[in-house]
Amino acid sequence: MNAVGSGLLERLELERDDLSPQLRQAASYLLDHQDEAAFRSMRFVAAKAGVQPATMVRLAQRLGCPGYEDLREALRHRVRQTGEGYRNRAARLQRRKSRGALSYLATEMILADQANLETTLDRIPAEQLTTVAKAMSQARRLYFVGLRSLYPAAFYLHYGCRMFRDNTVLLDGRGGTFTDDMRGVNERDLMLVFSLRPYTTGSVQAARYAAVRGATVVAVTDSSVSPLARMATHTLRVAAESPALFNSVVPAISVAQALVALLLAQGGQRALAAVAESEEQLVRMEAYWPEQEQAALEISDPNE
């Protein structure tokens, strides 16, 4: 794949005039929109190019790729090889201003997440999520890791599970206690780690430590060859490409939401009782804006 990626643009340029009209149209769009083709869904790129999705598959095969996903991965490899770091991503965003393309950026990000969710759904069978949720329900203790931009996913998982379970640990390193909070991990526990390229060192180290200690390790990551996937018992592979500064966290949070729902669904009466107790506490502590106040606002809404 690396060889395909390294000479892809040159080959497209050389062979474009020899292609059929539809393939030529697809190739021209790829050449003019290289980053977009690398990070958007096949259907989206085909629609923008004005061709059928099957045409994109044929073009990929003409270039020596088994399928379009291989072509897109080759293009992504080219982008990464040219130093696609935070500075380059930021510079690419600012170049949009000079091209007058800022107005489309928000829409493009939302569409990218839509494509990411569709790809993630294809990559993670429902049965695999159910298997992971079952393993979580049987664990003595649940450890959740999500550092830097992936913290929201780990926090959501911890927050949701805390409504009906009392055996969760969020490894967030407060007060420098990241290592301390892993103390006691053993084969009866499960650690779920979120990490996308570039993989956070602390996340990899935590997963390695848990694996060595015999714990079940669940990796929510973006590649089957990520350092997390290599040591995981279960790998949930999400798509996370985005034109923004960071990779998208939307699919990872969607996985967290699904796991909370699956865990609760199989929790039985004990989980229901725990949710009821949690809800009662929240009401007693006035955690949420009173419903009667909201009702009054809705009645007096001048836009109605």
Foldseek 3Di string as FASTA:
>chain_A
DLVLLVCVLVVLVVCLVVDDPQLNLLSVLCNVPVVCLLQADLCVSCVVSVHDSVSLQVNCVVSPHNGNVRVSVSSVVNCVVVPPALVVLVVVLVVCVVVVNPVCQVVQQVNSVVRQQVVLPVQADPVLLLVVLVLQLQAPAEEEEADDPLLVQSVLLVVLCQLQDDRYHYQHCVVNCNVVSCPPQAQRYEYEYEAEPVGDPSRLVSLVVNLVRNHAYEYEYADCPDSNNVRHPHYRHTRFDGSHSDTHNVNSNVSSVVSSVSNLVPVPPSRVVSNVVSVVVCVVVVVDDDPVVVVVCVVPPPVD
